[in-house]
Amino acid sequence: MTIRLMLADDHRMLREGLSRSMAEMGFEVVAEARDGAEAVQLATATRPDVILMDVTMPEMDGVEACRAIRQTLPETQVVMLTMHADQEVLANAIRAGASGYLVKDCSTDEIASAVKMAANGDTALSPQLAASMLDEVRKLDQAEANREDRVVTKREEEVLQLIADGCSTPEVAEQLYISQKTVKNHLASIYQKLDARDRTQAVLRAVRMGIVSLH
């Protein structure tokens, strides 16, 4: 099945040259956008399988356009094109839902391969970018999500673990370099969050939830 491709780049010569090359390689070029805002409009109108999207464009940059398109057209895959192998931009592009990321000095064959991979639901990165970068971005996002889902704070977790280890309030204060009053405030917050009456019940519920462990 022929892959329906859309191009988005504010450089006319590059866009037209890429359009000819992709058409010669068997892709159906269904639209060409001059900026990010136009890319969103044309994507909605033509619903391409894959979009080759320049990162730096007027009106709306490629990353923002990618995010908007992926929200409304989840079946459309986006491969980002950029002049530089910038890992921060790569991270933002992946978070926006990009399926691939290529630097513009790659070959036409590499671009064609990336488009095919994206159409098949795979991820394509330029050789200049370490494949581990993708995993690193996803690990960071997962860690952030876990922090957002945390029932108790990191400090409360530390207090709970020390209580589970058998430490008294003064011992917890000493270990964490905080006052006993602060420990008691943390415990009051923990009791409320875990719906516990006392430290024993709090520890038992925290163990069941995987927040702390008994040694």
N, C-alpha and C. Protein backbone atom coordinates (compact mmCIF):
# COMPACT_ATOMS: atom_id res chain seq x y z
N MET A 1 0.84 -1.19 0.00
CA MET A 1 0.00 0.00 0.00
C MET A 1 0.88 1.25 0.00
N THR A 2 0.54 2.21 -0.84
CA THR A 2 1.33 3.44 -0.95
C THR A 2 1.18 4.29 0.31
N ILE A 3 2.30 4.78 0.83
CA ILE A 3 2.28 5.63 2.02
C ILE A 3 1.96 7.06 1.60
N ARG A 4 0.93 7.63 2.22
CA ARG A 4 0.53 9.01 1.93
C ARG A 4 1.35 9.93 2.83
N LEU A 5 2.11 10.79 2.20
CA LEU A 5 3.10 11.61 2.90
C LEU A 5 2.81 13.09 2.78
N MET A 6 3.00 13.82 3.89
CA MET A 6 2.89 15.27 3.86
C MET A 6 4.23 15.87 4.28
N LEU A 7 4.60 17.00 3.67
CA LEU A 7 5.85 17.68 3.99
C LEU A 7 5.55 19.02 4.63
N ALA A 8 6.34 19.37 5.64
CA ALA A 8 6.18 20.68 6.28
C ALA A 8 7.56 21.29 6.50
N ASP A 9 7.87 22.33 5.73
CA ASP A 9 9.18 22.98 5.83
C ASP A 9 9.05 24.38 5.24
N ASP A 10 9.63 25.37 5.91
CA ASP A 10 9.49 26.74 5.43
C ASP A 10 10.48 27.09 4.32
N HIS A 11 11.42 26.19 4.02
CA HIS A 11 12.36 26.41 2.92
C HIS A 11 11.79 25.79 1.64
N ARG A 12 11.38 26.63 0.71
CA ARG A 12 10.68 26.15 -0.48
C ARG A 12 11.53 25.20 -1.32
N MET A 13 12.79 25.53 -1.55
CA MET A 13 13.64 24.68 -2.39
C MET A 13 13.82 23.30 -1.78
N LEU A 14 14.06 23.28 -0.47
CA LEU A 14 14.24 21.99 0.20
C LEU A 14 12.95 21.18 0.14
N ARG A 15 11.82 21.86 0.37
CA ARG A 15 10.52 21.18 0.38
C ARG A 15 10.21 20.59 -1.00
N GLU A 16 10.44 21.40 -2.04
CA GLU A 16 10.14 20.92 -3.40
C GLU A 16 11.07 19.81 -3.83
N GLY A 17 12.35 19.94 -3.44
CA GLY A 17 13.32 18.88 -3.78
C GLY A 17 12.97 17.57 -3.08
N LEU A 18 12.59 17.69 -1.81
CA LEU A 18 12.22 16.50 -1.05
C LEU A 18 10.94 15.87 -1.60
N SER A 19 10.03 16.73 -2.04
CA SER A 19 8.78 16.23 -2.61
C SER A 19 9.04 15.40 -3.87
N ARG A 20 9.92 15.90 -4.74
CA ARG A 20 10.26 15.15 -5.96
C ARG A 20 10.93 13.82 -5.62
N SER A 21 11.87 13.88 -4.69
CA SER A 21 12.61 12.67 -4.31
C SER A 21 11.69 11.61 -3.71
N MET A 22 10.80 12.03 -2.83
CA MET A 22 9.89 11.08 -2.19
C MET A 22 8.90 10.49 -3.20
N ALA A 23 8.44 11.34 -4.13
CA ALA A 23 7.51 10.85 -5.16
C ALA A 23 8.20 9.81 -6.05
N GLU A 24 9.48 10.08 -6.39
CA GLU A 24 10.25 9.15 -7.22
C GLU A 24 10.47 7.81 -6.50
N MET A 25 10.47 7.84 -5.17
CA MET A 25 10.70 6.62 -4.39
C MET A 25 9.39 5.89 -4.08
N GLY A 26 8.29 6.37 -4.64
CA GLY A 26 7.02 5.64 -4.51
C GLY A 26 6.06 6.15 -3.46
N PHE A 27 6.39 7.25 -2.81
CA PHE A 27 5.46 7.82 -1.83
C PHE A 27 4.47 8.75 -2.52
N GLU A 28 3.27 8.84 -1.97
CA GLU A 28 2.28 9.78 -2.50
C GLU A 28 2.32 11.04 -1.64
N VAL A 29 2.85 12.12 -2.19
CA VAL A 29 2.94 13.38 -1.46
C VAL A 29 1.59 14.09 -1.59
N VAL A 30 0.84 14.13 -0.48
CA VAL A 30 -0.54 14.64 -0.55
C VAL A 30 -0.65 16.12 -0.20
N ALA A 31 0.39 16.69 0.44
CA ALA A 31 0.32 18.11 0.80
C ALA A 31 1.70 18.62 1.18
N GLU A 32 1.89 19.94 1.04
CA GLU A 32 3.12 20.60 1.44
C GLU A 32 2.77 21.85 2.24
N ALA A 33 3.31 21.96 3.45
CA ALA A 33 3.02 23.10 4.32
C ALA A 33 4.25 23.98 4.47
N ARG A 34 4.01 25.29 4.58
CA ARG A 34 5.10 26.26 4.69
C ARG A 34 5.41 26.64 6.14
N ASP A 35 4.52 26.29 7.06
CA ASP A 35 4.77 26.59 8.47
C ASP A 35 3.94 25.63 9.33
N GLY A 36 4.15 25.72 10.65
CA GLY A 36 3.49 24.79 11.55
C GLY A 36 1.98 24.91 11.56
N ALA A 37 1.48 26.14 11.53
CA ALA A 37 0.03 26.35 11.54
C ALA A 37 -0.62 25.75 10.29
N GLU A 38 0.03 25.97 9.14
CA GLU A 38 -0.51 25.41 7.89
C GLU A 38 -0.42 23.88 7.92
N ALA A 39 0.62 23.36 8.56
CA ALA A 39 0.78 21.90 8.67
C ALA A 39 -0.40 21.29 9.41
N VAL A 40 -0.82 21.94 10.49
CA VAL A 40 -1.96 21.44 11.26
C VAL A 40 -3.23 21.46 10.40
N GLN A 41 -3.43 22.54 9.66
CA GLN A 41 -4.63 22.66 8.82
C GLN A 41 -4.64 21.60 7.70
N LEU A 42 -3.49 21.48 7.01
CA LEU A 42 -3.42 20.53 5.90
C LEU A 42 -3.48 19.08 6.38
N ALA A 43 -2.92 18.81 7.54
CA ALA A 43 -2.98 17.45 8.08
C ALA A 43 -4.43 17.06 8.36
N THR A 44 -5.18 18.00 8.93
CA THR A 44 -6.59 17.73 9.22
C THR A 44 -7.38 17.50 7.93
N ALA A 45 -7.01 18.24 6.88
CA ALA A 45 -7.74 18.13 5.61
C ALA A 45 -7.38 16.86 4.83
N THR A 46 -6.10 16.48 4.87
CA THR A 46 -5.64 15.37 4.02
C THR A 46 -5.41 14.05 4.76
N ARG A 47 -5.26 14.11 6.08
CA ARG A 47 -5.03 12.92 6.91
C ARG A 47 -3.95 12.00 6.34
N PRO A 48 -2.72 12.48 6.25
CA PRO A 48 -1.63 11.66 5.71
C PRO A 48 -1.24 10.54 6.68
N ASP A 49 -0.55 9.55 6.15
CA ASP A 49 -0.04 8.46 7.01
C ASP A 49 1.13 8.96 7.83
N VAL A 50 2.01 9.73 7.18
CA VAL A 50 3.23 10.23 7.82
C VAL A 50 3.46 11.68 7.41
N ILE A 51 3.98 12.47 8.35
CA ILE A 51 4.37 13.85 8.05
C ILE A 51 5.85 14.01 8.31
N LEU A 52 6.57 14.56 7.34
CA LEU A 52 7.96 14.97 7.55
C LEU A 52 7.91 16.43 7.97
N MET A 53 8.29 16.70 9.20
CA MET A 53 8.07 18.02 9.79
C MET A 53 9.38 18.68 10.20
N ASP A 54 9.64 19.86 9.64
CA ASP A 54 10.80 20.64 10.06
C ASP A 54 10.57 21.14 11.49
N VAL A 55 11.62 21.19 12.30
CA VAL A 55 11.49 21.66 13.68
C VAL A 55 11.29 23.17 13.73
N THR A 56 12.13 23.92 13.03
CA THR A 56 12.12 25.38 13.10
C THR A 56 11.31 25.97 11.96
N MET A 57 10.11 26.47 12.30
CA MET A 57 9.24 27.09 11.30
C MET A 57 8.52 28.28 11.91
N PRO A 58 8.08 29.24 11.08
CA PRO A 58 7.32 30.39 11.60
C PRO A 58 5.90 30.00 11.98
N GLU A 59 5.20 30.96 12.58
CA GLU A 59 3.81 30.78 13.01
C GLU A 59 3.68 29.80 14.17
N MET A 60 4.13 28.57 13.95
CA MET A 60 4.10 27.52 14.97
C MET A 60 5.25 26.58 14.67
N ASP A 61 6.08 26.28 15.67
CA ASP A 61 7.23 25.41 15.37
C ASP A 61 6.78 23.96 15.18
N GLY A 62 7.69 23.15 14.68
CA GLY A 62 7.36 21.78 14.34
C GLY A 62 6.93 20.93 15.53
N VAL A 63 7.54 21.18 16.68
CA VAL A 63 7.19 20.39 17.87
C VAL A 63 5.76 20.68 18.29
N GLU A 64 5.38 21.96 18.32
CA GLU A 64 4.01 22.32 18.69
C GLU A 64 3.01 21.80 17.66
N ALA A 65 3.38 21.90 16.38
CA ALA A 65 2.51 21.39 15.32
C ALA A 65 2.34 19.88 15.46
N CYS A 66 3.43 19.20 15.78
CA CYS A 66 3.39 17.75 15.98
C CYS A 66 2.43 17.41 17.11
N ARG A 67 2.53 18.15 18.22
CA ARG A 67 1.66 17.89 19.37
C ARG A 67 0.19 18.08 19.00
N ALA A 68 -0.10 19.16 18.29
CA ALA A 68 -1.48 19.45 17.90
C ALA A 68 -2.03 18.38 16.96
N ILE A 69 -1.20 17.95 16.02
CA ILE A 69 -1.63 16.95 15.04
C ILE A 69 -1.86 15.60 15.70
N ARG A 70 -0.95 15.21 16.58
CA ARG A 70 -1.06 13.91 17.22
C ARG A 70 -2.28 13.84 18.15
N GLN A 71 -2.68 14.99 18.69
CA GLN A 71 -3.86 15.00 19.56
C GLN A 71 -5.14 14.79 18.78
N THR A 72 -5.19 15.35 17.57
CA THR A 72 -6.42 15.24 16.77
C THR A 72 -6.37 14.08 15.77
N LEU A 73 -5.16 13.70 15.35
CA LEU A 73 -4.98 12.62 14.38
C LEU A 73 -3.98 11.59 14.91
N PRO A 74 -4.36 10.80 15.89
CA PRO A 74 -3.41 9.85 16.50
C PRO A 74 -2.86 8.80 15.54
N GLU A 75 -3.55 8.57 14.43
CA GLU A 75 -3.08 7.58 13.45
C GLU A 75 -1.99 8.15 12.55
N THR A 76 -1.89 9.46 12.48
CA THR A 76 -0.86 10.09 11.64
C THR A 76 0.46 10.16 12.40
N GLN A 77 1.51 9.62 11.81
CA GLN A 77 2.83 9.61 12.43
C GLN A 77 3.64 10.83 11.96
N VAL A 78 4.50 11.33 12.83
CA VAL A 78 5.30 12.51 12.51
C VAL A 78 6.78 12.21 12.67
N VAL A 79 7.55 12.49 11.62
CA VAL A 79 9.01 12.37 11.67
C VAL A 79 9.58 13.79 11.61
N MET A 80 10.35 14.16 12.63
CA MET A 80 10.91 15.50 12.70
C MET A 80 12.21 15.61 11.91
N LEU A 81 12.40 16.75 11.24
CA LEU A 81 13.63 17.05 10.53
C LEU A 81 14.27 18.30 11.14
N THR A 82 15.56 18.26 11.40
CA THR A 82 16.22 19.40 12.02
C THR A 82 17.64 19.56 11.50
N MET A 83 18.18 20.75 11.65
CA MET A 83 19.56 21.00 11.21
C MET A 83 20.57 20.44 12.20
N HIS A 84 20.18 20.33 13.46
CA HIS A 84 21.13 19.93 14.50
C HIS A 84 20.59 18.77 15.34
N ALA A 85 21.48 17.92 15.77
CA ALA A 85 21.11 16.78 16.63
C ALA A 85 21.05 17.26 18.07
N ASP A 86 20.04 18.05 18.37
CA ASP A 86 19.87 18.65 19.70
C ASP A 86 19.03 17.73 20.57
N GLN A 87 19.62 17.22 21.66
CA GLN A 87 18.91 16.24 22.48
C GLN A 87 17.73 16.86 23.23
N GLU A 88 17.81 18.13 23.56
CA GLU A 88 16.68 18.77 24.24
C GLU A 88 15.48 18.87 23.30
N VAL A 89 15.76 19.24 22.04
CA VAL A 89 14.68 19.31 21.06
C VAL A 89 14.13 17.91 20.80
N LEU A 90 15.03 16.93 20.75
CA LEU A 90 14.61 15.54 20.57
C LEU A 90 13.66 15.12 21.69
N ALA A 91 14.04 15.45 22.92
CA ALA A 91 13.20 15.10 24.07
C ALA A 91 11.81 15.72 23.94
N ASN A 92 11.76 16.99 23.56
CA ASN A 92 10.48 17.68 23.39
C ASN A 92 9.66 17.07 22.26
N ALA A 93 10.35 16.67 21.19
CA ALA A 93 9.66 16.07 20.05
C ALA A 93 9.05 14.73 20.41
N ILE A 94 9.79 13.93 21.17
CA ILE A 94 9.27 12.62 21.58
C ILE A 94 8.07 12.79 22.50
N ARG A 95 8.17 13.77 23.41
CA ARG A 95 7.04 14.03 24.30
C ARG A 95 5.81 14.53 23.53
N ALA A 96 6.07 15.20 22.41
CA ALA A 96 4.97 15.71 21.58
C ALA A 96 4.35 14.60 20.74
N GLY A 97 4.98 13.43 20.71
CA GLY A 97 4.42 12.30 19.98
C GLY A 97 5.10 11.96 18.68
N ALA A 98 6.29 12.54 18.42
CA ALA A 98 7.01 12.24 17.18
C ALA A 98 7.45 10.78 17.13
N SER A 99 7.39 10.20 15.95
CA SER A 99 7.80 8.80 15.75
C SER A 99 9.22 8.67 15.24
N GLY A 100 9.81 9.80 14.85
CA GLY A 100 11.16 9.76 14.31
C GLY A 100 11.81 11.12 14.39
N TYR A 101 13.13 11.13 14.26
CA TYR A 101 13.87 12.39 14.40
C TYR A 101 15.12 12.28 13.55
N LEU A 102 15.22 13.09 12.50
CA LEU A 102 16.34 13.02 11.58
C LEU A 102 17.03 14.37 11.43
N VAL A 103 18.35 14.34 11.29
CA VAL A 103 19.06 15.58 10.96
C VAL A 103 19.08 15.70 9.43
N LYS A 104 19.10 16.94 8.93
CA LYS A 104 18.89 17.18 7.51
C LYS A 104 20.06 16.78 6.62
N ASP A 105 21.21 16.42 7.22
CA ASP A 105 22.30 15.97 6.36
C ASP A 105 22.24 14.46 6.11
N CYS A 106 21.14 13.83 6.52
CA CYS A 106 20.99 12.40 6.24
C CYS A 106 20.61 12.21 4.77
N SER A 107 20.75 11.00 4.28
CA SER A 107 20.49 10.72 2.87
C SER A 107 18.99 10.56 2.61
N THR A 108 18.63 10.64 1.33
CA THR A 108 17.23 10.44 0.94
C THR A 108 16.78 9.03 1.31
N ASP A 109 17.67 8.07 1.17
CA ASP A 109 17.34 6.69 1.53
C ASP A 109 17.02 6.58 3.02
N GLU A 110 17.78 7.31 3.86
CA GLU A 110 17.53 7.30 5.30
C GLU A 110 16.18 7.91 5.63
N ILE A 111 15.83 8.99 4.91
CA ILE A 111 14.53 9.61 5.11
C ILE A 111 13.41 8.66 4.71
N ALA A 112 13.57 8.01 3.56
CA ALA A 112 12.56 7.06 3.09
C ALA A 112 12.40 5.91 4.08
N SER A 113 13.52 5.43 4.60
CA SER A 113 13.47 4.35 5.58
C SER A 113 12.75 4.78 6.85
N ALA A 114 13.02 6.01 7.30
CA ALA A 114 12.37 6.53 8.51
C ALA A 114 10.87 6.66 8.31
N VAL A 115 10.45 7.11 7.12
CA VAL A 115 9.03 7.26 6.81
C VAL A 115 8.35 5.89 6.84
N LYS A 116 8.99 4.90 6.26
CA LYS A 116 8.41 3.55 6.25
C LYS A 116 8.31 2.99 7.67
N MET A 117 9.36 3.22 8.47
CA MET A 117 9.35 2.75 9.85
C MET A 117 8.22 3.41 10.64
N ALA A 118 8.06 4.72 10.45
CA ALA A 118 7.00 5.45 11.15
C ALA A 118 5.63 4.92 10.74
N ALA A 119 5.45 4.67 9.45
CA ALA A 119 4.18 4.16 8.94
C ALA A 119 3.85 2.80 9.54
N ASN A 120 4.89 2.05 9.90
CA ASN A 120 4.71 0.72 10.50
C ASN A 120 4.63 0.78 12.03
N GLY A 121 4.66 2.01 12.56
CA GLY A 121 4.56 2.15 14.00
C GLY A 121 5.88 2.05 14.75
N ASP A 122 6.99 2.08 14.02
CA ASP A 122 8.31 1.99 14.65
C ASP A 122 8.91 3.38 14.81
N THR A 123 9.99 3.46 15.57
CA THR A 123 10.67 4.73 15.82
C THR A 123 11.98 4.78 15.07
N ALA A 124 12.26 5.92 14.43
CA ALA A 124 13.50 6.07 13.67
C ALA A 124 14.26 7.30 14.15
N LEU A 125 15.53 7.13 14.49
CA LEU A 125 16.39 8.24 14.88
C LEU A 125 17.60 8.28 13.97
N SER A 126 18.12 9.48 13.74
CA SER A 126 19.35 9.60 12.96
C SER A 126 20.48 8.86 13.66
N PRO A 127 21.43 8.33 12.89
CA PRO A 127 22.58 7.67 13.51
C PRO A 127 23.34 8.58 14.46
N GLN A 128 23.25 9.90 14.21
CA GLN A 128 23.98 10.85 15.07
C GLN A 128 23.40 10.90 16.49
N LEU A 129 22.20 10.37 16.65
CA LEU A 129 21.56 10.40 17.96
C LEU A 129 21.57 9.00 18.56
N ALA A 130 22.05 8.91 19.76
CA ALA A 130 22.11 7.61 20.42
C ALA A 130 20.69 7.08 20.64
N ALA A 131 20.50 5.79 20.35
CA ALA A 131 19.18 5.19 20.54
C ALA A 131 18.78 5.22 22.01
N SER A 132 19.76 5.23 22.88
CA SER A 132 19.47 5.24 24.32
C SER A 132 18.77 6.53 24.74
N MET A 133 18.89 7.58 23.94
CA MET A 133 18.26 8.85 24.28
C MET A 133 16.75 8.69 24.37
N LEU A 134 16.17 7.91 23.48
CA LEU A 134 14.73 7.69 23.49
C LEU A 134 14.31 7.03 24.79
N ASP A 135 15.05 5.98 25.19
CA ASP A 135 14.73 5.30 26.44
C ASP A 135 14.89 6.23 27.63
N GLU A 136 15.92 7.09 27.57
CA GLU A 136 16.19 8.00 28.67
C GLU A 136 15.03 8.98 28.85
N VAL A 137 14.53 9.51 27.74
CA VAL A 137 13.40 10.44 27.81
C VAL A 137 12.18 9.76 28.42
N ARG A 138 11.90 8.53 27.96
CA ARG A 138 10.73 7.82 28.47
C ARG A 138 10.89 7.46 29.94
N LYS A 139 12.12 7.13 30.35
CA LYS A 139 12.37 6.82 31.77
C LYS A 139 12.13 8.06 32.62
N LEU A 140 12.61 9.22 32.14
CA LEU A 140 12.42 10.46 32.89
C LEU A 140 10.94 10.80 33.01
N ASP A 141 10.20 10.60 31.91
CA ASP A 141 8.76 10.88 31.95
C ASP A 141 8.04 9.93 32.90
N GLN A 142 8.47 8.65 32.90
CA GLN A 142 7.83 7.67 33.78
C GLN A 142 8.12 8.00 35.24
N ALA A 143 9.36 8.43 35.49
CA ALA A 143 9.74 8.80 36.86
C ALA A 143 8.91 9.99 37.32
N GLU A 144 8.70 10.95 36.40
CA GLU A 144 7.89 12.12 36.73
C GLU A 144 6.45 11.72 37.01
N ALA A 145 5.94 10.80 36.21
CA ALA A 145 4.56 10.33 36.40
C ALA A 145 4.43 9.63 37.74
N ASN A 146 5.45 8.83 38.09
CA ASN A 146 5.43 8.13 39.37
C ASN A 146 5.43 9.11 40.53
N ARG A 147 6.21 10.19 40.37
CA ARG A 147 6.24 11.20 41.44
C ARG A 147 4.87 11.86 41.59
N GLU A 148 4.21 12.10 40.43
CA GLU A 148 2.90 12.72 40.48
C GLU A 148 1.87 11.80 41.13
N ASP A 149 2.06 10.47 40.95
CA ASP A 149 1.12 9.50 41.50
C ASP A 149 1.45 9.12 42.93
N ARG A 150 2.55 9.62 43.46
CA ARG A 150 2.99 9.24 44.80
C ARG A 150 1.93 9.60 45.84
N VAL A 151 1.58 8.62 46.68
CA VAL A 151 0.58 8.85 47.72
C VAL A 151 1.14 9.75 48.80
N VAL A 152 2.37 9.47 49.23
CA VAL A 152 3.05 10.29 50.23
C VAL A 152 4.26 10.96 49.59
N THR A 153 4.77 12.01 50.22
CA THR A 153 5.94 12.69 49.68
C THR A 153 7.19 11.86 49.91
N LYS A 154 8.26 12.23 49.24
CA LYS A 154 9.53 11.51 49.41
C LYS A 154 10.00 11.56 50.87
N ARG A 155 9.88 12.71 51.51
CA ARG A 155 10.28 12.84 52.91
C ARG A 155 9.41 11.98 53.82
N GLU A 156 8.10 11.97 53.55
CA GLU A 156 7.19 11.13 54.34
C GLU A 156 7.52 9.66 54.16
N GLU A 157 7.92 9.31 52.96
CA GLU A 157 8.34 7.93 52.69
C GLU A 157 9.56 7.57 53.52
N GLU A 158 10.51 8.50 53.64
CA GLU A 158 11.71 8.27 54.45
C GLU A 158 11.36 8.10 55.92
N VAL A 159 10.43 8.94 56.39
CA VAL A 159 9.97 8.83 57.79
C VAL A 159 9.32 7.46 58.01
N LEU A 160 8.44 7.07 57.09
CA LEU A 160 7.76 5.78 57.20
C LEU A 160 8.74 4.61 57.23
N GLN A 161 9.75 4.67 56.37
CA GLN A 161 10.72 3.56 56.32
C GLN A 161 11.48 3.45 57.64
N LEU A 162 11.88 4.58 58.21
CA LEU A 162 12.59 4.55 59.49
C LEU A 162 11.69 4.04 60.61
N ILE A 163 10.42 4.41 60.59
CA ILE A 163 9.46 3.89 61.56
C ILE A 163 9.32 2.38 61.39
N ALA A 164 9.24 1.95 60.12
CA ALA A 164 9.15 0.51 59.84
C ALA A 164 10.40 -0.23 60.32
N ASP A 165 11.53 0.47 60.32
CA ASP A 165 12.78 -0.14 60.78
C ASP A 165 12.89 -0.14 62.31
N GLY A 166 11.86 0.42 62.98
CA GLY A 166 11.84 0.39 64.43
C GLY A 166 12.37 1.63 65.11
N CYS A 167 12.58 2.70 64.37
CA CYS A 167 13.11 3.93 64.97
C CYS A 167 12.02 4.68 65.73
N SER A 168 12.42 5.31 66.82
CA SER A 168 11.50 6.17 67.57
C SER A 168 11.46 7.55 66.92
N THR A 169 10.55 8.39 67.41
CA THR A 169 10.46 9.75 66.87
C THR A 169 11.80 10.50 67.00
N PRO A 170 12.46 10.48 68.20
CA PRO A 170 13.75 11.16 68.31
C PRO A 170 14.80 10.59 67.37
N GLU A 171 14.76 9.26 67.17
CA GLU A 171 15.75 8.63 66.28
C GLU A 171 15.51 9.02 64.82
N VAL A 172 14.24 9.12 64.44
CA VAL A 172 13.91 9.55 63.08
C VAL A 172 14.41 10.98 62.86
N ALA A 173 14.16 11.84 63.85
CA ALA A 173 14.60 13.23 63.77
C ALA A 173 16.12 13.31 63.61
N GLU A 174 16.82 12.48 64.37
CA GLU A 174 18.29 12.48 64.32
C GLU A 174 18.79 11.99 62.96
N GLN A 175 18.17 10.94 62.45
CA GLN A 175 18.61 10.35 61.17
C GLN A 175 18.40 11.31 60.01
N LEU A 176 17.29 12.04 60.05
CA LEU A 176 16.93 12.91 58.92
C LEU A 176 17.35 14.36 59.13
N TYR A 177 17.97 14.64 60.27
CA TYR A 177 18.43 16.00 60.60
C TYR A 177 17.28 17.00 60.59
N ILE A 178 16.16 16.58 61.19
CA ILE A 178 15.01 17.47 61.33
C ILE A 178 14.56 17.44 62.78
N SER A 179 13.68 18.35 63.17
CA SER A 179 13.21 18.40 64.56
C SER A 179 12.16 17.32 64.82
N GLN A 180 11.97 16.99 66.10
CA GLN A 180 10.96 16.00 66.47
C GLN A 180 9.56 16.52 66.10
N LYS A 181 9.37 17.84 66.22
CA LYS A 181 8.09 18.42 65.85
C LYS A 181 7.79 18.20 64.37
N THR A 182 8.84 18.34 63.54
CA THR A 182 8.66 18.12 62.10
C THR A 182 8.32 16.67 61.81
N VAL A 183 8.96 15.75 62.56
CA VAL A 183 8.65 14.32 62.41
C VAL A 183 7.18 14.08 62.73
N LYS A 184 6.72 14.68 63.82
CA LYS A 184 5.32 14.50 64.23
C LYS A 184 4.37 15.08 63.19
N ASN A 185 4.75 16.21 62.58
CA ASN A 185 3.92 16.79 61.52
C ASN A 185 3.84 15.87 60.31
N HIS A 186 4.99 15.26 59.96
CA HIS A 186 5.01 14.30 58.85
C HIS A 186 4.12 13.10 59.17
N LEU A 187 4.18 12.61 60.39
CA LEU A 187 3.38 11.46 60.80
C LEU A 187 1.88 11.79 60.73
N ALA A 188 1.52 13.00 61.16
CA ALA A 188 0.11 13.40 61.10
C ALA A 188 -0.38 13.42 59.65
N SER A 189 0.47 13.91 58.76
CA SER A 189 0.13 13.94 57.34
C SER A 189 0.01 12.52 56.78
N ILE A 190 0.93 11.66 57.19
CA ILE A 190 0.92 10.26 56.74
C ILE A 190 -0.35 9.56 57.19
N TYR A 191 -0.73 9.75 58.47
CA TYR A 191 -1.94 9.11 59.00
C TYR A 191 -3.16 9.52 58.18
N GLN A 192 -3.23 10.80 57.84
CA GLN A 192 -4.36 11.30 57.07
C GLN A 192 -4.39 10.70 55.66
N LYS A 193 -3.22 10.67 55.01
CA LYS A 193 -3.15 10.17 53.63
C LYS A 193 -3.42 8.67 53.55
N LEU A 194 -2.97 7.93 54.55
CA LEU A 194 -3.12 6.47 54.52
C LEU A 194 -4.34 6.01 55.32
N ASP A 195 -5.09 6.99 55.87
CA ASP A 195 -6.27 6.67 56.69
C ASP A 195 -5.89 5.69 57.80
N ALA A 196 -4.85 6.05 58.52
CA ALA A 196 -4.33 5.19 59.60
C ALA A 196 -4.51 5.88 60.96
N ARG A 197 -4.71 5.06 62.01
CA ARG A 197 -4.90 5.59 63.36
C ARG A 197 -3.57 5.85 64.06
N ASP A 198 -2.58 5.01 63.77
CA ASP A 198 -1.30 5.12 64.46
C ASP A 198 -0.18 4.66 63.54
N ARG A 199 1.05 4.69 64.09
CA ARG A 199 2.20 4.36 63.24
C ARG A 199 2.21 2.90 62.81
N THR A 200 1.72 2.01 63.65
CA THR A 200 1.69 0.58 63.29
C THR A 200 0.79 0.35 62.08
N GLN A 201 -0.41 0.93 62.15
CA GLN A 201 -1.35 0.78 61.03
C GLN A 201 -0.81 1.46 59.77
N ALA A 202 -0.15 2.61 59.94
CA ALA A 202 0.43 3.32 58.80
C ALA A 202 1.50 2.49 58.12
N VAL A 203 2.37 1.87 58.93
CA VAL A 203 3.43 1.04 58.37
C VAL A 203 2.85 -0.16 57.63
N LEU A 204 1.86 -0.82 58.22
CA LEU A 204 1.26 -2.00 57.58
C LEU A 204 0.62 -1.64 56.23
N ARG A 205 -0.06 -0.50 56.20
CA ARG A 205 -0.69 -0.08 54.94
C ARG A 205 0.37 0.33 53.92
N ALA A 206 1.43 0.98 54.39
CA ALA A 206 2.51 1.39 53.49
C ALA A 206 3.21 0.18 52.89
N VAL A 207 3.36 -0.88 53.70
CA VAL A 207 3.98 -2.12 53.20
C VAL A 207 3.11 -2.75 52.13
N ARG A 208 1.80 -2.82 52.38
CA ARG A 208 0.88 -3.40 51.40
C ARG A 208 0.87 -2.61 50.09
N MET A 209 1.07 -1.29 50.21
CA MET A 209 1.07 -0.42 49.02
C MET A 209 2.43 -0.39 48.32
N GLY A 210 3.42 -1.01 48.93
CA GLY A 210 4.75 -1.03 48.32
C GLY A 210 5.54 0.23 48.55
N ILE A 211 5.09 1.07 49.50
CA ILE A 211 5.80 2.33 49.77
C ILE A 211 7.06 2.07 50.57
N VAL A 212 6.98 1.14 51.55
CA VAL A 212 8.15 0.78 52.37
C VAL A 212 8.25 -0.73 52.43
N SER A 213 9.34 -1.21 52.92
CA SER A 213 9.55 -2.65 53.07
C SER A 213 10.03 -2.98 54.47
N LEU A 214 9.70 -4.16 54.92
CA LEU A 214 10.14 -4.62 56.24
C LEU A 214 11.41 -5.45 56.07
N HIS A 215 12.43 -5.12 56.81
CA HIS A 215 13.73 -5.83 56.67
C HIS A 215 13.81 -6.96 57.71
